[in-house]
Amino acid sequence: MHWRFSEHTPSIEDYMKLMASTGWQGMLERQPDAFQAALNNSWYILNAYDDSELIGSGRVLSDSVFHALLCDLIVLPEYQAQGLGSAILKQLLKRCEEHQIVMVQLFAASGKTSFYHSFGFEARPSDAPGMRWVNKTHIEHR
């Protein structure tokens, strides 16, 4: 493949276009400066380009010691099932390994569990389930 990878923050316009391909409700209603802040606050970000088009991205939030959270692993639909998501995820995990991060967590999109299982991710046991709180006033579809 002729993909190019970059650890630089992409343009907000390119990132919002990539996010729009996910259909994630509530996120696209945010202002561009919110996306900029999210990207700037990422611990590590990796982007994939086909020529100058942003076609994939993944980012990690972390305390740099114990915990990391993979978020926004996105590949444009027309580039999925070509190994691009795997290439991005491998690099994100490699960066975590290099920093000896103990635990990497994620929230998988519907239907993507088997993809993450193939990289060694496991579901949390039922006697120690993960939880989340969602601020619904900021993500409800209007």
C-alpha atoms as a PDB file:
ATOM      1  CA  MET A   1       0.000   0.000   0.000  1.00  0.00           C
ATOM      2  CA  HIS A   2       1.095   3.568  -0.512  1.00  0.00           C
ATOM      3  CA  TRP A   3       0.085   4.968   2.849  1.00  0.00           C
ATOM      4  CA  ARG A   4       2.152   7.560   4.656  1.00  0.00           C
ATOM      5  CA  PHE A   5       2.113   7.826   8.446  1.00  0.00           C
ATOM      6  CA  SER A   6       2.584  10.955  10.521  1.00  0.00           C
ATOM      7  CA  GLU A   7       2.653  11.692  14.233  1.00  0.00           C
ATOM      8  CA  HIS A   8       1.751  15.342  13.659  1.00  0.00           C
ATOM      9  CA  THR A   9      -1.659  16.725  14.532  1.00  0.00           C
ATOM     10  CA  PRO A  10      -3.825  16.795  11.404  1.00  0.00           C
ATOM     11  CA  SER A  11      -5.805  19.814  10.317  1.00  0.00           C
ATOM     12  CA  ILE A  12      -9.120  20.151  12.101  1.00  0.00           C
ATOM     13  CA  GLU A  13     -10.986  20.124   8.793  1.00  0.00           C
ATOM     14  CA  ASP A  14      -9.374  16.804   7.805  1.00  0.00           C
ATOM     15  CA  TYR A  15      -9.978  15.298  11.243  1.00  0.00           C
ATOM     16  CA  MET A  16     -13.628  16.367  11.320  1.00  0.00           C
ATOM     17  CA  LYS A  17     -14.134  14.831   7.869  1.00  0.00           C
ATOM     18  CA  LEU A  18     -12.634  11.582   9.156  1.00  0.00           C
ATOM     19  CA  MET A  19     -14.844  11.710  12.266  1.00  0.00           C
ATOM     20  CA  ALA A  20     -17.920  12.288  10.087  1.00  0.00           C
ATOM     21  CA  SER A  21     -17.297   8.916   8.443  1.00  0.00           C
ATOM     22  CA  THR A  22     -17.950   7.160  11.783  1.00  0.00           C
ATOM     23  CA  GLY A  23     -21.502   8.355  12.332  1.00  0.00           C
ATOM     24  CA  TRP A  24     -20.733   8.866  16.040  1.00  0.00           C
ATOM     25  CA  GLN A  25     -23.633  10.862  17.374  1.00  0.00           C
ATOM     26  CA  GLY A  26     -22.980  13.966  19.418  1.00  0.00           C
ATOM     27  CA  MET A  27     -19.341  14.483  18.568  1.00  0.00           C
ATOM     28  CA  LEU A  28     -19.671  16.287  15.268  1.00  0.00           C
ATOM     29  CA  GLU A  29     -21.915  18.926  16.792  1.00  0.00           C
ATOM     30  CA  ARG A  30     -18.920  20.212  18.772  1.00  0.00           C
ATOM     31  CA  GLN A  31     -17.049  23.265  17.544  1.00  0.00           C
ATOM     32  CA  PRO A  32     -13.723  22.897  15.717  1.00  0.00           C
ATOM     33  CA  ASP A  33     -11.847  24.320  18.719  1.00  0.00           C
ATOM     34  CA  ALA A  34     -13.115  21.356  20.796  1.00  0.00           C
ATOM     35  CA  PHE A  35     -11.573  18.949  18.283  1.00  0.00           C
ATOM     36  CA  GLN A  36      -8.367  20.956  18.350  1.00  0.00           C
ATOM     37  CA  ALA A  37      -8.232  20.746  22.155  1.00  0.00           C
ATOM     38  CA  ALA A  38      -8.875  16.984  22.071  1.00  0.00           C
ATOM     39  CA  LEU A  39      -6.079  16.449  19.577  1.00  0.00           C
ATOM     40  CA  ASN A  40      -3.691  18.731  21.457  1.00  0.00           C
ATOM     41  CA  ASN A  41      -4.378  16.847  24.706  1.00  0.00           C
ATOM     42  CA  SER A  42      -3.603  13.469  23.173  1.00  0.00           C
ATOM     43  CA  TRP A  43      -0.574  11.656  24.562  1.00  0.00           C
ATOM     44  CA  TYR A  44       0.178  10.096  21.176  1.00  0.00           C
ATOM     45  CA  ILE A  45      -1.470  10.403  17.786  1.00  0.00           C
ATOM     46  CA  LEU A  46      -0.800   8.573  14.552  1.00  0.00           C
ATOM     47  CA  ASN A  47      -2.383   9.514  11.233  1.00  0.00           C
ATOM     48  CA  ALA A  48      -2.421   7.753   7.882  1.00  0.00           C
ATOM     49  CA  TYR A  49      -2.520   9.569   4.570  1.00  0.00           C
ATOM     50  CA  ASP A  50      -3.075   8.575   0.967  1.00  0.00           C
ATOM     51  CA  ASP A  51      -1.192  11.350  -0.771  1.00  0.00           C
ATOM     52  CA  SER A  52      -2.516  14.386   1.141  1.00  0.00           C
ATOM     53  CA  GLU A  53      -5.863  12.864   2.210  1.00  0.00           C
ATOM     54  CA  LEU A  54      -6.265  11.852   5.853  1.00  0.00           C
ATOM     55  CA  ILE A  55      -7.592   8.283   5.643  1.00  0.00           C
ATOM     56  CA  GLY A  56      -7.026   6.966   9.158  1.00  0.00           C
ATOM     57  CA  SER A  57      -6.106   8.052  12.659  1.00  0.00           C
ATOM     58  CA  GLY A  58      -5.686   6.698  16.146  1.00  0.00           C
ATOM     59  CA  ARG A  59      -4.849   8.404  19.385  1.00  0.00           C
ATOM     60  CA  VAL A  60      -3.916   7.525  22.939  1.00  0.00           C
ATOM     61  CA  LEU A  61      -4.630   9.315  26.205  1.00  0.00           C
ATOM     62  CA  SER A  62      -2.275   8.328  29.015  1.00  0.00           C
ATOM     63  CA  ASP A  63      -0.690   9.110  32.369  1.00  0.00           C
ATOM     64  CA  SER A  64       2.574   7.884  30.758  1.00  0.00           C
ATOM     65  CA  VAL A  65       3.131   5.281  33.489  1.00  0.00           C
ATOM     66  CA  PHE A  66       0.273   2.934  34.312  1.00  0.00           C
ATOM     67  CA  HIS A  67      -2.757   3.573  32.111  1.00  0.00           C
ATOM     68  CA  ALA A  68      -3.563   4.384  28.521  1.00  0.00           C
ATOM     69  CA  LEU A  69      -6.850   4.666  26.683  1.00  0.00           C
ATOM     70  CA  LEU A  70      -7.039   4.062  22.956  1.00  0.00           C
ATOM     71  CA  CYS A  71      -9.601   6.335  21.390  1.00  0.00           C
ATOM     72  CA  ASP A  72     -10.767   7.374  17.973  1.00  0.00           C
ATOM     73  CA  LEU A  73      -9.189   4.575  15.933  1.00  0.00           C
ATOM     74  CA  ILE A  74     -10.834   5.530  12.654  1.00  0.00           C
ATOM     75  CA  VAL A  75     -10.294   4.407   9.077  1.00  0.00           C
ATOM     76  CA  LEU A  76     -12.328   5.791   6.197  1.00  0.00           C
ATOM     77  CA  PRO A  77     -14.787   3.099   5.053  1.00  0.00           C
ATOM     78  CA  GLU A  78     -13.220   2.771   1.600  1.00  0.00           C
ATOM     79  CA  TYR A  79      -9.832   1.964   3.225  1.00  0.00           C
ATOM     80  CA  GLN A  80     -11.132  -0.573   5.742  1.00  0.00           C
ATOM     81  CA  ALA A  81     -10.261  -4.287   5.493  1.00  0.00           C
ATOM     82  CA  GLN A  82      -6.893  -3.450   3.884  1.00  0.00           C
ATOM     83  CA  GLY A  83      -4.690  -3.653   6.991  1.00  0.00           C
ATOM     84  CA  LEU A  84      -4.605   0.074   7.696  1.00  0.00           C
ATOM     85  CA  GLY A  85      -6.420  -0.127  11.040  1.00  0.00           C
ATOM     86  CA  SER A  86      -4.092  -2.943  12.071  1.00  0.00           C
ATOM     87  CA  ALA A  87      -1.033  -0.910  11.118  1.00  0.00           C
ATOM     88  CA  ILE A  88      -2.244   2.068  13.154  1.00  0.00           C
ATOM     89  CA  LEU A  89      -3.145  -0.085  16.172  1.00  0.00           C
ATOM     90  CA  LYS A  90       0.221  -1.876  16.106  1.00  0.00           C
ATOM     91  CA  GLN A  91       2.036   1.467  16.268  1.00  0.00           C
ATOM     92  CA  LEU A  92      -0.197   2.779  19.062  1.00  0.00           C
ATOM     93  CA  LEU A  93       0.499  -0.360  21.116  1.00  0.00           C
ATOM     94  CA  LYS A  94       4.205  -0.210  20.304  1.00  0.00           C
ATOM     95  CA  ARG A  95       4.376   3.321  21.706  1.00  0.00           C
ATOM     96  CA  CYS A  96       2.653   2.135  24.897  1.00  0.00           C
ATOM     97  CA  GLU A  97       5.092  -0.772  25.182  1.00  0.00           C
ATOM     98  CA  GLU A  98       8.061   1.556  24.720  1.00  0.00           C
ATOM     99  CA  HIS A  99       6.846   3.530  27.738  1.00  0.00           C
ATOM    100  CA  GLN A 100       6.177   0.365  29.745  1.00  0.00           C
ATOM    101  CA  ILE A 101       2.529   1.279  30.245  1.00  0.00           C
ATOM    102  CA  VAL A 102       0.887  -1.436  32.317  1.00  0.00           C
ATOM    103  CA  MET A 103      -2.699  -1.368  31.020  1.00  0.00           C
ATOM    104  CA  VAL A 104      -4.187  -0.209  27.737  1.00  0.00           C
ATOM    105  CA  GLN A 105      -7.960   0.100  27.633  1.00  0.00           C
ATOM    106  CA  LEU A 106     -10.456   0.954  24.926  1.00  0.00           C
ATOM    107  CA  PHE A 107     -14.106   1.186  24.028  1.00  0.00           C
ATOM    108  CA  ALA A 108     -14.731  -0.792  20.837  1.00  0.00           C
ATOM    109  CA  ALA A 109     -17.277   0.265  18.260  1.00  0.00           C
ATOM    110  CA  SER A 110     -20.118  -2.147  17.649  1.00  0.00           C
ATOM    111  CA  GLY A 111     -18.959  -5.177  15.671  1.00  0.00           C
ATOM    112  CA  LYS A 112     -15.231  -4.521  16.185  1.00  0.00           C
ATOM    113  CA  THR A 113     -14.574  -6.738  19.228  1.00  0.00           C
ATOM    114  CA  SER A 114     -12.975  -9.556  17.223  1.00  0.00           C
ATOM    115  CA  PHE A 115     -10.562  -7.079  15.608  1.00  0.00           C
ATOM    116  CA  TYR A 116      -9.263  -6.051  19.037  1.00  0.00           C
ATOM    117  CA  HIS A 117      -9.234  -9.656  20.310  1.00  0.00           C
ATOM    118  CA  SER A 118      -6.780 -10.480  17.514  1.00  0.00           C
ATOM    119  CA  PHE A 119      -4.347  -8.007  19.124  1.00  0.00           C
ATOM    120  CA  GLY A 120      -4.648  -9.550  22.582  1.00  0.00           C
ATOM    121  CA  PHE A 121      -7.381  -7.348  24.055  1.00  0.00           C
ATOM    122  CA  GLU A 122      -9.719  -9.122  26.454  1.00  0.00           C
ATOM    123  CA  ALA A 123     -13.173  -8.324  27.753  1.00  0.00           C
ATOM    124  CA  ARG A 124     -13.170  -7.400  31.408  1.00  0.00           C
ATOM    125  CA  PRO A 125     -14.445 -10.194  33.640  1.00  0.00           C
ATOM    126  CA  SER A 126     -18.042  -9.934  34.828  1.00  0.00           C
ATOM    127  CA  ASP A 127     -16.897  -9.675  38.465  1.00  0.00           C
ATOM    128  CA  ALA A 128     -14.708  -6.644  37.592  1.00  0.00           C
ATOM    129  CA  PRO A 129     -16.633  -4.903  34.825  1.00  0.00           C
ATOM    130  CA  GLY A 130     -15.628  -1.598  33.380  1.00  0.00           C
ATOM    131  CA  MET A 131     -17.998   1.284  33.670  1.00  0.00           C
ATOM    132  CA  ARG A 132     -18.481   4.653  32.062  1.00  0.00           C
ATOM    133  CA  TRP A 133     -20.409   7.821  32.638  1.00  0.00           C
ATOM    134  CA  VAL A 134     -21.707   9.666  29.615  1.00  0.00           C
ATOM    135  CA  ASN A 135     -22.648  13.322  29.832  1.00  0.00           C
ATOM    136  CA  LYS A 136     -25.830  13.036  27.804  1.00  0.00           C
ATOM    137  CA  THR A 137     -26.473  16.761  27.758  1.00  0.00           C
ATOM    138  CA  HIS A 138     -23.479  17.115  25.450  1.00  0.00           C
ATOM    139  CA  ILE A 139     -24.009  14.166  23.107  1.00  0.00           C
ATOM    140  CA  GLU A 140     -27.727  13.844  22.523  1.00  0.00           C
ATOM    141  CA  HIS A 141     -28.666  14.079  18.906  1.00  0.00           C
ATOM    142  CA  ARG A 142     -30.614  17.261  18.376  1.00  0.00           C
END
